[in-house]
Amino acid sequence: TVNAIAPGFIDTDMTGSLPEDQKAVLANQIPMGRLGTVNEIAQAVLFLASYDDSSFITGENLIVDGGLTYT
């Protein structure tokens, strides 16, 4: 299988260096109301890597962005 994960704005060292007001603007644009976590991306990776859970999924781009691209 060949799949990809497209993370949205994730709370990392890179986004952590943004000013608080800019992080608030980003969070307000995300329907879930916050930045994602590294753990949430890891869980998506584990799901796609699990044969039992995702053996019939291929050719997909799993967007993990709290709904940002949905709006």
PDB file of N, CA and C in Angstrom:
ATOM      1  N   THR A   1       0.838  -1.186   0.000  1.00  0.00           N
ATOM      2  CA  THR A   1       0.000   0.000   0.000  1.00  0.00           C
ATOM      3  C   THR A   1       0.878   1.243   0.000  1.00  0.00           C
ATOM      4  N   VAL A   2       0.333   2.292  -0.579  1.00  0.00           N
ATOM      5  CA  VAL A   2       1.038   3.582  -0.613  1.00  0.00           C
ATOM      6  C   VAL A   2       0.047   4.659  -0.184  1.00  0.00           C
ATOM      7  N   ASN A   3       0.341   5.287   0.941  1.00  0.00           N
ATOM      8  CA  ASN A   3      -0.518   6.330   1.478  1.00  0.00           C
ATOM      9  C   ASN A   3       0.347   7.473   1.990  1.00  0.00           C
ATOM     10  N   ALA A   4      -0.282   8.600   2.234  1.00  0.00           N
ATOM     11  CA  ALA A   4       0.438   9.768   2.748  1.00  0.00           C
ATOM     12  C   ALA A   4      -0.380  10.391   3.875  1.00  0.00           C
ATOM     13  N   ILE A   5       0.304  11.133   4.720  1.00  0.00           N
ATOM     14  CA  ILE A   5      -0.359  11.887   5.778  1.00  0.00           C
ATOM     15  C   ILE A   5      -0.035  13.362   5.571  1.00  0.00           C
ATOM     16  N   ALA A   6      -1.076  14.185   5.567  1.00  0.00           N
ATOM     17  CA  ALA A   6      -0.918  15.623   5.386  1.00  0.00           C
ATOM     18  C   ALA A   6      -1.336  16.323   6.675  1.00  0.00           C
ATOM     19  N   PRO A   7      -0.368  16.627   7.541  1.00  0.00           N
ATOM     20  CA  PRO A   7      -0.729  17.284   8.793  1.00  0.00           C
ATOM     21  C   PRO A   7      -1.033  18.760   8.595  1.00  0.00           C
ATOM     22  N   GLY A   8      -1.913  19.265   9.429  1.00  0.00           N
ATOM     23  CA  GLY A   8      -2.186  20.693   9.440  1.00  0.00           C
ATOM     24  C   GLY A   8      -1.226  21.379  10.391  1.00  0.00           C
ATOM     25  N   PHE A   9      -1.703  22.400  11.076  1.00  0.00           N
ATOM     26  CA  PHE A   9      -0.866  23.109  12.037  1.00  0.00           C
ATOM     27  C   PHE A   9      -0.755  22.267  13.308  1.00  0.00           C
ATOM     28  N   ILE A  10       0.476  21.859  13.616  1.00  0.00           N
ATOM     29  CA  ILE A  10       0.742  20.974  14.743  1.00  0.00           C
ATOM     30  C   ILE A  10       1.584  21.728  15.774  1.00  0.00           C
ATOM     31  N   ASP A  11       1.284  21.510  17.036  1.00  0.00           N
ATOM     32  CA  ASP A  11       2.023  22.152  18.123  1.00  0.00           C
ATOM     33  C   ASP A  11       3.408  21.514  18.235  1.00  0.00           C
ATOM     34  N   THR A  12       4.385  22.149  17.616  1.00  0.00           N
ATOM     35  CA  THR A  12       5.770  21.679  17.603  1.00  0.00           C
ATOM     36  C   THR A  12       6.683  22.840  17.990  1.00  0.00           C
ATOM     37  N   ASP A  13       7.976  22.577  18.004  1.00  0.00           N
ATOM     38  CA  ASP A  13       8.931  23.660  18.274  1.00  0.00           C
ATOM     39  C   ASP A  13       8.780  24.781  17.245  1.00  0.00           C
ATOM     40  N   MET A  14       8.490  24.409  15.993  1.00  0.00           N
ATOM     41  CA  MET A  14       8.363  25.419  14.939  1.00  0.00           C
ATOM     42  C   MET A  14       7.171  26.342  15.194  1.00  0.00           C
ATOM     43  N   THR A  15       5.998  25.767  15.459  1.00  0.00           N
ATOM     44  CA  THR A  15       4.829  26.606  15.718  1.00  0.00           C
ATOM     45  C   THR A  15       4.884  27.209  17.115  1.00  0.00           C
ATOM     46  N   GLY A  16       5.609  26.570  18.026  1.00  0.00           N
ATOM     47  CA  GLY A  16       5.748  27.092  19.379  1.00  0.00           C
ATOM     48  C   GLY A  16       6.488  28.414  19.432  1.00  0.00           C
ATOM     49  N   SER A  17       7.291  28.681  18.402  1.00  0.00           N
ATOM     50  CA  SER A  17       8.039  29.940  18.382  1.00  0.00           C
ATOM     51  C   SER A  17       7.215  31.105  17.839  1.00  0.00           C
ATOM     52  N   LEU A  18       6.005  30.840  17.383  1.00  0.00           N
ATOM     53  CA  LEU A  18       5.133  31.909  16.896  1.00  0.00           C
ATOM     54  C   LEU A  18       4.610  32.735  18.070  1.00  0.00           C
ATOM     55  N   PRO A  19       4.361  33.999  17.835  1.00  0.00           N
ATOM     56  CA  PRO A  19       3.748  34.814  18.893  1.00  0.00           C
ATOM     57  C   PRO A  19       2.367  34.255  19.269  1.00  0.00           C
ATOM     58  N   GLU A  20       1.994  34.408  20.532  1.00  0.00           N
ATOM     59  CA  GLU A  20       0.722  33.858  21.022  1.00  0.00           C
ATOM     60  C   GLU A  20      -0.478  34.363  20.226  1.00  0.00           C
ATOM     61  N   ASP A  21      -0.467  35.633  19.836  1.00  0.00           N
ATOM     62  CA  ASP A  21      -1.605  36.155  19.072  1.00  0.00           C
ATOM     63  C   ASP A  21      -1.705  35.488  17.707  1.00  0.00           C
ATOM     64  N   GLN A  22      -0.573  35.160  17.104  1.00  0.00           N
ATOM     65  CA  GLN A  22      -0.590  34.485  15.804  1.00  0.00           C
ATOM     66  C   GLN A  22      -1.074  33.043  15.951  1.00  0.00           C
ATOM     67  N   LYS A  23      -0.682  32.371  17.037  1.00  0.00           N
ATOM     68  CA  LYS A  23      -1.180  31.013  17.284  1.00  0.00           C
ATOM     69  C   LYS A  23      -2.692  31.031  17.523  1.00  0.00           C
ATOM     70  N   ALA A  24      -3.175  32.069  18.192  1.00  0.00           N
ATOM     71  CA  ALA A  24      -4.613  32.195  18.433  1.00  0.00           C
ATOM     72  C   ALA A  24      -5.371  32.382  17.123  1.00  0.00           C
ATOM     73  N   VAL A  25      -4.818  33.172  16.212  1.00  0.00           N
ATOM     74  CA  VAL A  25      -5.439  33.362  14.899  1.00  0.00           C
ATOM     75  C   VAL A  25      -5.511  32.026  14.161  1.00  0.00           C
ATOM     76  N   LEU A  26      -4.421  31.263  14.186  1.00  0.00           N
ATOM     77  CA  LEU A  26      -4.417  29.946  13.537  1.00  0.00           C
ATOM     78  C   LEU A  26      -5.467  29.033  14.161  1.00  0.00           C
ATOM     79  N   ALA A  27      -5.486  28.963  15.476  1.00  0.00           N
ATOM     80  CA  ALA A  27      -6.434  28.090  16.168  1.00  0.00           C
ATOM     81  C   ALA A  27      -7.877  28.466  15.850  1.00  0.00           C
ATOM     82  N   ASN A  28      -8.159  29.752  15.706  1.00  0.00           N
ATOM     83  CA  ASN A  28      -9.514  30.197  15.391  1.00  0.00           C
ATOM     84  C   ASN A  28      -9.947  29.811  13.985  1.00  0.00           C
ATOM     85  N   GLN A  29      -8.997  29.537  13.100  1.00  0.00           N
ATOM     86  CA  GLN A  29      -9.314  29.117  11.740  1.00  0.00           C
ATOM     87  C   GLN A  29      -9.584  27.617  11.657  1.00  0.00           C
ATOM     88  N   ILE A  30      -9.203  26.875  12.674  1.00  0.00           N
ATOM     89  CA  ILE A  30      -9.358  25.426  12.699  1.00  0.00           C
ATOM     90  C   ILE A  30     -10.680  25.091  13.388  1.00  0.00           C
ATOM     91  N   PRO A  31     -11.576  24.351  12.728  1.00  0.00           N
ATOM     92  CA  PRO A  31     -12.858  24.026  13.356  1.00  0.00           C
ATOM     93  C   PRO A  31     -12.748  23.363  14.729  1.00  0.00           C
ATOM     94  N   MET A  32     -11.694  22.586  14.981  1.00  0.00           N
ATOM     95  CA  MET A  32     -11.507  21.955  16.290  1.00  0.00           C
ATOM     96  C   MET A  32     -11.042  22.968  17.337  1.00  0.00           C
ATOM     97  N   GLY A  33     -10.663  24.183  16.909  1.00  0.00           N
ATOM     98  CA  GLY A  33     -10.334  25.261  17.824  1.00  0.00           C
ATOM     99  C   GLY A  33      -8.957  25.210  18.454  1.00  0.00           C
ATOM    100  N   ARG A  34      -8.071  24.394  17.896  1.00  0.00           N
ATOM    101  CA  ARG A  34      -6.727  24.273  18.471  1.00  0.00           C
ATOM    102  C   ARG A  34      -5.782  23.686  17.429  1.00  0.00           C
ATOM    103  N   LEU A  35      -4.480  23.793  17.720  1.00  0.00           N
ATOM    104  CA  LEU A  35      -3.487  23.128  16.896  1.00  0.00           C
ATOM    105  C   LEU A  35      -3.473  21.650  17.263  1.00  0.00           C
ATOM    106  N   GLY A  36      -3.048  20.831  16.341  1.00  0.00           N
ATOM    107  CA  GLY A  36      -2.953  19.403  16.598  1.00  0.00           C
ATOM    108  C   GLY A  36      -1.731  19.081  17.434  1.00  0.00           C
ATOM    109  N   THR A  37      -1.652  17.821  17.849  1.00  0.00           N
ATOM    110  CA  THR A  37      -0.510  17.372  18.634  1.00  0.00           C
ATOM    111  C   THR A  37       0.322  16.387  17.822  1.00  0.00           C
ATOM    112  N   VAL A  38       1.573  16.268  18.220  1.00  0.00           N
ATOM    113  CA  VAL A  38       2.456  15.296  17.581  1.00  0.00           C
ATOM    114  C   VAL A  38       1.889  13.894  17.757  1.00  0.00           C
ATOM    115  N   ASN A  39       1.293  13.624  18.911  1.00  0.00           N
ATOM    116  CA  ASN A  39       0.710  12.317  19.170  1.00  0.00           C
ATOM    117  C   ASN A  39      -0.429  12.002  18.193  1.00  0.00           C
ATOM    118  N   GLU A  40      -1.213  13.004  17.838  1.00  0.00           N
ATOM    119  CA  GLU A  40      -2.312  12.767  16.893  1.00  0.00           C
ATOM    120  C   GLU A  40      -1.784  12.383  15.515  1.00  0.00           C
ATOM    121  N   ILE A  41      -0.668  12.971  15.117  1.00  0.00           N
ATOM    122  CA  ILE A  41      -0.053  12.574  13.845  1.00  0.00           C
ATOM    123  C   ILE A  41       0.505  11.168  13.963  1.00  0.00           C
ATOM    124  N   ALA A  42       1.146  10.872  15.087  1.00  0.00           N
ATOM    125  CA  ALA A  42       1.692   9.524  15.306  1.00  0.00           C
ATOM    126  C   ALA A  42       0.596   8.474  15.262  1.00  0.00           C
ATOM    127  N   GLN A  43      -0.572   8.781  15.819  1.00  0.00           N
ATOM    128  CA  GLN A  43      -1.682   7.826  15.794  1.00  0.00           C
ATOM    129  C   GLN A  43      -2.159   7.564  14.367  1.00  0.00           C
ATOM    130  N   ALA A  44      -2.148   8.589  13.533  1.00  0.00           N
ATOM    131  CA  ALA A  44      -2.517   8.408  12.124  1.00  0.00           C
ATOM    132  C   ALA A  44      -1.501   7.513  11.424  1.00  0.00           C
ATOM    133  N   VAL A  45      -0.212   7.721  11.718  1.00  0.00           N
ATOM    134  CA  VAL A  45       0.838   6.876  11.145  1.00  0.00           C
ATOM    135  C   VAL A  45       0.650   5.432  11.589  1.00  0.00           C
ATOM    136  N   LEU A  46       0.407   5.235  12.879  1.00  0.00           N
ATOM    137  CA  LEU A  46       0.204   3.874  13.385  1.00  0.00           C
ATOM    138  C   LEU A  46      -1.000   3.206  12.739  1.00  0.00           C
ATOM    139  N   PHE A  47      -2.061   3.967  12.525  1.00  0.00           N
ATOM    140  CA  PHE A  47      -3.238   3.410  11.860  1.00  0.00           C
ATOM    141  C   PHE A  47      -2.890   2.917  10.457  1.00  0.00           C
ATOM    142  N   LEU A  48      -2.222   3.761   9.677  1.00  0.00           N
ATOM    143  CA  LEU A  48      -1.886   3.353   8.311  1.00  0.00           C
ATOM    144  C   LEU A  48      -0.847   2.241   8.282  1.00  0.00           C
ATOM    145  N   ALA A  49      -0.010   2.164   9.303  1.00  0.00           N
ATOM    146  CA  ALA A  49       1.011   1.115   9.354  1.00  0.00           C
ATOM    147  C   ALA A  49       0.461  -0.215   9.855  1.00  0.00           C
ATOM    148  N   SER A  50      -0.725  -0.200  10.425  1.00  0.00           N
ATOM    149  CA  SER A  50      -1.321  -1.419  10.959  1.00  0.00           C
ATOM    150  C   SER A  50      -2.012  -2.209   9.854  1.00  0.00           C
ATOM    151  N   TYR A  51      -1.507  -3.396   9.595  1.00  0.00           N
ATOM    152  CA  TYR A  51      -2.103  -4.230   8.545  1.00  0.00           C
ATOM    153  C   TYR A  51      -3.558  -4.560   8.888  1.00  0.00           C
ATOM    154  N   ASP A  52      -3.806  -4.907  10.137  1.00  0.00           N
ATOM    155  CA  ASP A  52      -5.171  -5.286  10.528  1.00  0.00           C
ATOM    156  C   ASP A  52      -6.170  -4.148  10.370  1.00  0.00           C
ATOM    157  N   ASP A  53      -5.732  -2.924  10.643  1.00  0.00           N
ATOM    158  CA  ASP A  53      -6.657  -1.793  10.609  1.00  0.00           C
ATOM    159  C   ASP A  53      -6.792  -1.133   9.246  1.00  0.00           C
ATOM    160  N   SER A  54      -5.766  -1.211   8.409  1.00  0.00           N
ATOM    161  CA  SER A  54      -5.814  -0.434   7.155  1.00  0.00           C
ATOM    162  C   SER A  54      -5.353  -1.217   5.932  1.00  0.00           C
ATOM    163  N   SER A  55      -5.485  -2.518   5.962  1.00  0.00           N
ATOM    164  CA  SER A  55      -4.951  -3.343   4.869  1.00  0.00           C
ATOM    165  C   SER A  55      -5.625  -3.092   3.517  1.00  0.00           C
ATOM    166  N   PHE A  56      -6.806  -2.522   3.506  1.00  0.00           N
ATOM    167  CA  PHE A  56      -7.518  -2.309   2.240  1.00  0.00           C
ATOM    168  C   PHE A  56      -7.520  -0.843   1.833  1.00  0.00           C
ATOM    169  N   ILE A  57      -6.638  -0.052   2.456  1.00  0.00           N
ATOM    170  CA  ILE A  57      -6.526   1.368   2.135  1.00  0.00           C
ATOM    171  C   ILE A  57      -5.229   1.585   1.367  1.00  0.00           C
ATOM    172  N   THR A  58      -5.340   2.150   0.179  1.00  0.00           N
ATOM    173  CA  THR A  58      -4.148   2.485  -0.594  1.00  0.00           C
ATOM    174  C   THR A  58      -4.449   3.679  -1.496  1.00  0.00           C
ATOM    175  N   GLY A  59      -3.418   4.419  -1.810  1.00  0.00           N
ATOM    176  CA  GLY A  59      -3.572   5.579  -2.683  1.00  0.00           C
ATOM    177  C   GLY A  59      -4.273   6.752  -2.033  1.00  0.00           C
ATOM    178  N   GLU A  60      -4.214   6.832  -0.722  1.00  0.00           N
ATOM    179  CA  GLU A  60      -4.928   7.892  -0.006  1.00  0.00           C
ATOM    180  C   GLU A  60      -3.975   8.894   0.623  1.00  0.00           C
ATOM    181  N   ASN A  61      -4.481  10.103   0.780  1.00  0.00           N
ATOM    182  CA  ASN A  61      -3.796  11.160   1.501  1.00  0.00           C
ATOM    183  C   ASN A  61      -4.652  11.467   2.727  1.00  0.00           C
ATOM    184  N   LEU A  62      -4.209  11.036   3.897  1.00  0.00           N
ATOM    185  CA  LEU A  62      -4.964  11.228   5.124  1.00  0.00           C
ATOM    186  C   LEU A  62      -4.661  12.613   5.689  1.00  0.00           C
ATOM    187  N   ILE A  63      -5.655  13.482   5.645  1.00  0.00           N
ATOM    188  CA  ILE A  63      -5.487  14.853   6.119  1.00  0.00           C
ATOM    189  C   ILE A  63      -5.804  14.893   7.612  1.00  0.00           C
ATOM    190  N   VAL A  64      -4.842  15.316   8.407  1.00  0.00           N
ATOM    191  CA  VAL A  64      -4.999  15.406   9.859  1.00  0.00           C
ATOM    192  C   VAL A  64      -4.791  16.874  10.231  1.00  0.00           C
ATOM    193  N   ASP A  65      -5.879  17.635  10.114  1.00  0.00           N
ATOM    194  CA  ASP A  65      -5.748  19.095  10.293  1.00  0.00           C
ATOM    195  C   ASP A  65      -6.878  19.714  11.105  1.00  0.00           C
ATOM    196  N   GLY A  66      -7.610  18.906  11.851  1.00  0.00           N
ATOM    197  CA  GLY A  66      -8.682  19.449  12.698  1.00  0.00           C
ATOM    198  C   GLY A  66      -9.832  20.054  11.925  1.00  0.00           C
ATOM    199  N   GLY A  67      -9.943  19.729  10.638  1.00  0.00           N
ATOM    200  CA  GLY A  67     -11.032  20.234   9.817  1.00  0.00           C
ATOM    201  C   GLY A  67     -10.693  21.506   9.042  1.00  0.00           C
ATOM    202  N   LEU A  68      -9.449  21.953   9.104  1.00  0.00           N
ATOM    203  CA  LEU A  68      -9.060  23.212   8.457  1.00  0.00           C
ATOM    204  C   LEU A  68      -9.378  23.207   6.961  1.00  0.00           C
ATOM    205  N   THR A  69      -9.065  22.146   6.259  1.00  0.00           N
ATOM    206  CA  THR A  69      -9.293  22.132   4.812  1.00  0.00           C
ATOM    207  C   THR A  69     -10.740  21.802   4.459  1.00  0.00           C
ATOM    208  N   TYR A  70     -11.538  21.430   5.441  1.00  0.00           N
ATOM    209  CA  TYR A  70     -12.950  21.143   5.192  1.00  0.00           C
ATOM    210  C   TYR A  70     -13.733  22.431   4.985  1.00  0.00           C
ATOM    211  N   THR A  71     -13.331  23.485   5.691  1.00  0.00           N
ATOM    212  CA  THR A  71     -14.091  24.731   5.636  1.00  0.00           C
ATOM    213  C   THR A  71     -13.784  25.533   4.396  1.00  0.00           C
TER     214      THR A  71
END
